[in-house]
Amino acid sequence: MRNLDFAEQYFGNKLQFACYEGDEKSAQALIREGADPNERGGHFRTALQAACYCGNNETVALLLSFGADMDARCGPYGCALQAACLRGHAAVAKMLLLYGANANVVGGYYHSALQAAAFAGWQEIVQLLLDFGADVTLTEGAYGGALQAASMRNRKEIVAILIEAGAKLDTMFPKILGGVRDKAPRK
């Protein structure tokens, strides 16, 4: 594994760095030597978020087998599922969901995995999340919701999927639309 001292500076710990690199052997050795797969710190906050962000399927499976918390809310990516969805790692996202990850964990820059996938344009992942119960009405985050994120990036196919799944156009910009309605002449 490259420069483990760098791990302490940017990644917070050596395990997170090994998982980011996809170095399953080093990750396993570190865990067996006592590294906590749920220790928080560094840029990705958890080793699982680092592995998911990079799409390292084997490392994700290893961390899950050692009890990594799939739904830990922390850091800029909110949770492991959101990190995988933002980066387009459908296989990792599906693995997390099959292991029981909550499709509606909120936090981080995009607030939800659905908003991250919609923003990035990953149609397959948007559908996967919806199939696992992702809530299209969640708002907040950088873009206000999945529908807003997809609309801002001109992701027409994803917008259609989200509307079909129950996303409402009047939630896109509630203050603007509400303000217009309030001032409209009454009949």
Protein backbone atom coordinates (compact mmCIF):
# COMPACT_ATOMS: atom_id res chain seq x y z
CA MET A 1 0.00 0.00 0.00
CA ARG A 2 1.33 3.44 -0.94
CA ASN A 3 2.46 5.98 1.64
CA LEU A 4 0.46 5.06 4.71
CA ASP A 5 1.59 8.26 6.46
CA PHE A 6 -0.46 10.25 3.96
CA ALA A 7 -3.46 8.28 5.19
CA GLU A 8 -3.22 9.91 8.59
CA GLN A 9 -3.30 13.39 7.08
CA TYR A 10 -6.09 13.25 4.49
CA PHE A 11 -8.00 10.06 5.16
CA GLY A 12 -7.99 10.14 8.93
CA ASN A 13 -6.76 6.56 9.28
CA LYS A 14 -4.96 3.83 7.38
CA LEU A 15 -8.06 1.68 6.96
CA GLN A 16 -9.95 4.44 5.17
CA PHE A 17 -6.97 4.94 2.86
CA ALA A 18 -6.71 1.21 2.10
CA CYS A 19 -10.42 1.09 1.31
CA TYR A 20 -10.18 4.14 -0.95
CA GLU A 21 -7.34 2.42 -2.81
CA GLY A 22 -9.30 -0.83 -3.06
CA ASP A 23 -6.51 -2.63 -1.22
CA GLU A 24 -8.58 -5.45 0.25
CA LYS A 25 -5.59 -7.35 1.68
CA SER A 26 -4.30 -4.34 3.61
CA ALA A 27 -7.82 -3.47 4.77
CA GLN A 28 -8.35 -7.00 6.06
CA ALA A 29 -4.97 -7.01 7.82
CA LEU A 30 -5.69 -3.64 9.45
CA ILE A 31 -9.09 -4.83 10.71
CA ARG A 32 -7.58 -8.05 12.05
CA GLU A 33 -4.96 -5.91 13.86
CA GLY A 34 -7.75 -3.94 15.54
CA ALA A 35 -8.75 -1.15 13.16
CA ASP A 36 -12.39 -0.21 13.66
CA PRO A 37 -14.37 -0.30 10.37
CA ASN A 38 -16.73 2.33 11.87
CA GLU A 39 -14.07 4.80 13.01
CA ARG A 40 -14.89 8.28 11.78
CA GLY A 41 -12.49 10.89 10.53
CA GLY A 42 -10.81 12.20 7.44
CA HIS A 43 -12.37 13.28 4.17
CA PHE A 44 -14.73 10.33 3.68
CA ARG A 45 -15.53 10.03 7.42
CA THR A 46 -15.76 6.19 7.22
CA ALA A 47 -13.87 3.44 5.45
CA LEU A 48 -17.12 2.21 3.92
CA GLN A 49 -17.87 5.61 2.39
CA ALA A 50 -14.35 5.68 0.91
CA ALA A 51 -14.78 2.20 -0.61
CA CYS A 52 -18.26 3.03 -1.95
CA TYR A 53 -17.10 6.33 -3.44
CA CYS A 54 -14.45 4.45 -5.42
CA GLY A 55 -16.67 1.50 -6.32
CA ASN A 56 -14.48 -1.12 -4.69
CA ASN A 57 -16.96 -4.01 -4.55
CA GLU A 58 -14.70 -6.50 -2.79
CA THR A 59 -13.61 -3.97 -0.18
CA VAL A 60 -17.23 -2.98 0.44
CA ALA A 61 -18.15 -6.65 0.96
CA LEU A 62 -15.20 -7.07 3.33
CA LEU A 63 -16.22 -4.06 5.42
CA LEU A 64 -19.82 -5.26 5.59
CA SER A 65 -18.64 -8.68 6.76
CA PHE A 66 -16.80 -6.93 9.61
CA GLY A 67 -19.88 -4.95 10.67
CA ALA A 68 -19.40 -1.60 8.96
CA ASP A 69 -22.42 0.63 9.53
CA MET A 70 -24.07 1.10 6.12
CA ASP A 71 -26.32 3.89 7.30
CA ALA A 72 -23.77 5.94 9.27
CA ARG A 73 -24.67 9.59 8.64
CA CYS A 74 -21.60 11.73 8.32
CA GLY A 75 -19.44 13.72 5.97
CA PRO A 76 -19.97 15.35 2.61
CA TYR A 77 -21.45 12.19 1.07
CA GLY A 78 -24.02 11.67 3.82
CA CYS A 79 -23.76 7.89 3.90
CA ALA A 80 -22.15 5.01 2.03
CA LEU A 81 -25.11 4.57 -0.33
CA GLN A 82 -25.07 8.24 -1.30
CA ALA A 83 -21.33 8.05 -2.07
CA ALA A 84 -21.83 5.04 -4.35
CA CYS A 85 -24.85 6.59 -6.08
CA LEU A 86 -23.13 9.90 -6.76
CA ARG A 87 -20.25 8.15 -8.46
CA GLY A 88 -22.41 5.78 -10.51
CA HIS A 89 -21.40 2.53 -8.83
CA ALA A 90 -24.62 0.59 -9.41
CA ALA A 91 -23.21 -2.76 -8.28
CA VAL A 92 -22.07 -1.28 -4.96
CA ALA A 93 -25.40 0.50 -4.48
CA LYS A 94 -27.28 -2.72 -5.15
CA MET A 95 -25.06 -4.65 -2.74
CA LEU A 96 -25.71 -2.12 0.01
CA LEU A 97 -29.46 -2.19 -0.61
CA LEU A 98 -29.52 -6.00 -0.65
CA TYR A 99 -27.62 -5.99 2.66
CA GLY A 100 -30.39 -3.77 4.05
CA ALA A 101 -29.14 -0.20 3.64
CA ASN A 102 -31.85 2.40 4.09
CA ALA A 103 -32.56 4.09 0.74
CA ASN A 104 -33.77 7.20 2.59
CA VAL A 105 -30.85 8.08 4.85
CA VAL A 106 -30.46 11.85 4.74
CA GLY A 107 -27.39 14.00 5.18
CA GLY A 108 -24.43 15.30 3.29
CA TYR A 109 -24.28 17.67 0.36
CA TYR A 110 -26.98 15.96 -1.71
CA HIS A 111 -29.19 15.08 1.28
CA SER A 112 -30.18 11.69 -0.21
CA ALA A 113 -28.85 8.96 -2.44
CA LEU A 114 -31.73 9.63 -4.85
CA GLN A 115 -30.81 13.30 -5.20
CA ALA A 116 -27.14 12.39 -5.75
CA ALA A 117 -27.98 9.85 -8.47
CA ALA A 118 -30.48 12.20 -10.14
CA PHE A 119 -27.95 15.04 -10.13
CA ALA A 120 -25.23 12.85 -11.62
CA GLY A 121 -27.56 11.40 -14.27
CA TRP A 122 -27.43 7.73 -13.28
CA GLN A 123 -30.82 6.57 -14.55
CA GLU A 124 -30.22 2.91 -13.64
CA ILE A 125 -29.37 3.87 -10.06
CA VAL A 126 -32.37 6.20 -9.76
CA GLN A 127 -34.62 3.30 -10.75
CA LEU A 128 -32.80 0.92 -8.39
CA LEU A 129 -33.31 3.33 -5.49
CA LEU A 130 -36.99 3.73 -6.32
CA ASP A 131 -37.34 -0.06 -6.48
CA PHE A 132 -35.92 -0.19 -2.94
CA GLY A 133 -38.32 2.43 -1.62
CA ALA A 134 -36.47 5.73 -2.05
CA ASP A 135 -38.76 8.66 -1.20
CA VAL A 136 -39.16 11.06 -4.14
CA THR A 137 -40.59 13.72 -1.82
CA LEU A 138 -37.43 14.20 0.26
CA THR A 139 -36.24 17.78 -0.03
CA GLU A 140 -33.27 19.74 1.29
CA GLY A 141 -29.66 19.33 0.24
CA ALA A 142 -27.81 21.23 -2.44
CA TYR A 143 -30.66 21.16 -4.96
CA GLY A 144 -33.76 20.85 -2.82
CA GLY A 145 -34.72 17.36 -3.98
CA ALA A 146 -34.12 14.70 -6.62
CA LEU A 147 -36.56 16.30 -9.08
CA GLN A 148 -34.85 19.66 -8.76
CA ALA A 149 -31.39 18.13 -9.16
CA ALA A 150 -32.40 16.25 -12.31
CA SER A 151 -34.14 19.32 -13.72
CA MET A 152 -31.15 21.58 -13.12
CA ARG A 153 -28.94 19.19 -15.05
CA ASN A 154 -31.51 18.68 -17.85
CA ARG A 155 -31.88 14.96 -17.12
CA LYS A 156 -35.20 14.59 -18.93
CA GLU A 157 -35.46 10.82 -18.63
CA ILE A 158 -34.80 10.95 -14.89
CA VAL A 159 -37.31 13.80 -14.44
CA ALA A 160 -39.94 11.62 -16.16
CA ILE A 161 -39.08 8.63 -13.93
CA LEU A 162 -39.32 10.75 -10.78
CA ILE A 163 -42.65 12.30 -11.79
CA GLU A 164 -44.02 8.86 -12.60
CA ALA A 165 -42.84 7.73 -9.15
CA GLY A 166 -44.81 10.53 -7.50
CA ALA A 167 -42.53 13.58 -7.41
CA LYS A 168 -44.62 16.74 -7.58
CA LEU A 169 -43.75 19.70 -9.75
CA ASP A 170 -45.11 22.12 -7.16
CA THR A 171 -42.38 21.03 -4.75
CA MET A 172 -39.64 22.15 -7.11
CA PHE A 173 -39.60 25.76 -5.98
CA PRO A 174 -42.30 26.00 -3.32
CA LYS A 175 -41.58 29.58 -2.26
CA ILE A 176 -41.65 30.86 -5.83
CA LEU A 177 -44.72 28.89 -6.85
CA GLY A 178 -46.47 29.62 -3.56
CA GLY A 179 -45.75 33.31 -3.92
CA VAL A 180 -47.16 33.37 -7.45
CA ARG A 181 -50.29 31.55 -6.36
CA ASP A 182 -50.81 33.90 -3.43
CA LYS A 183 -50.79 36.95 -5.72
CA ALA A 184 -52.90 35.47 -8.51
CA PRO A 185 -56.26 37.13 -9.11
CA ARG A 186 -59.14 35.16 -7.61
CA LYS A 187 -62.19 34.32 -9.63
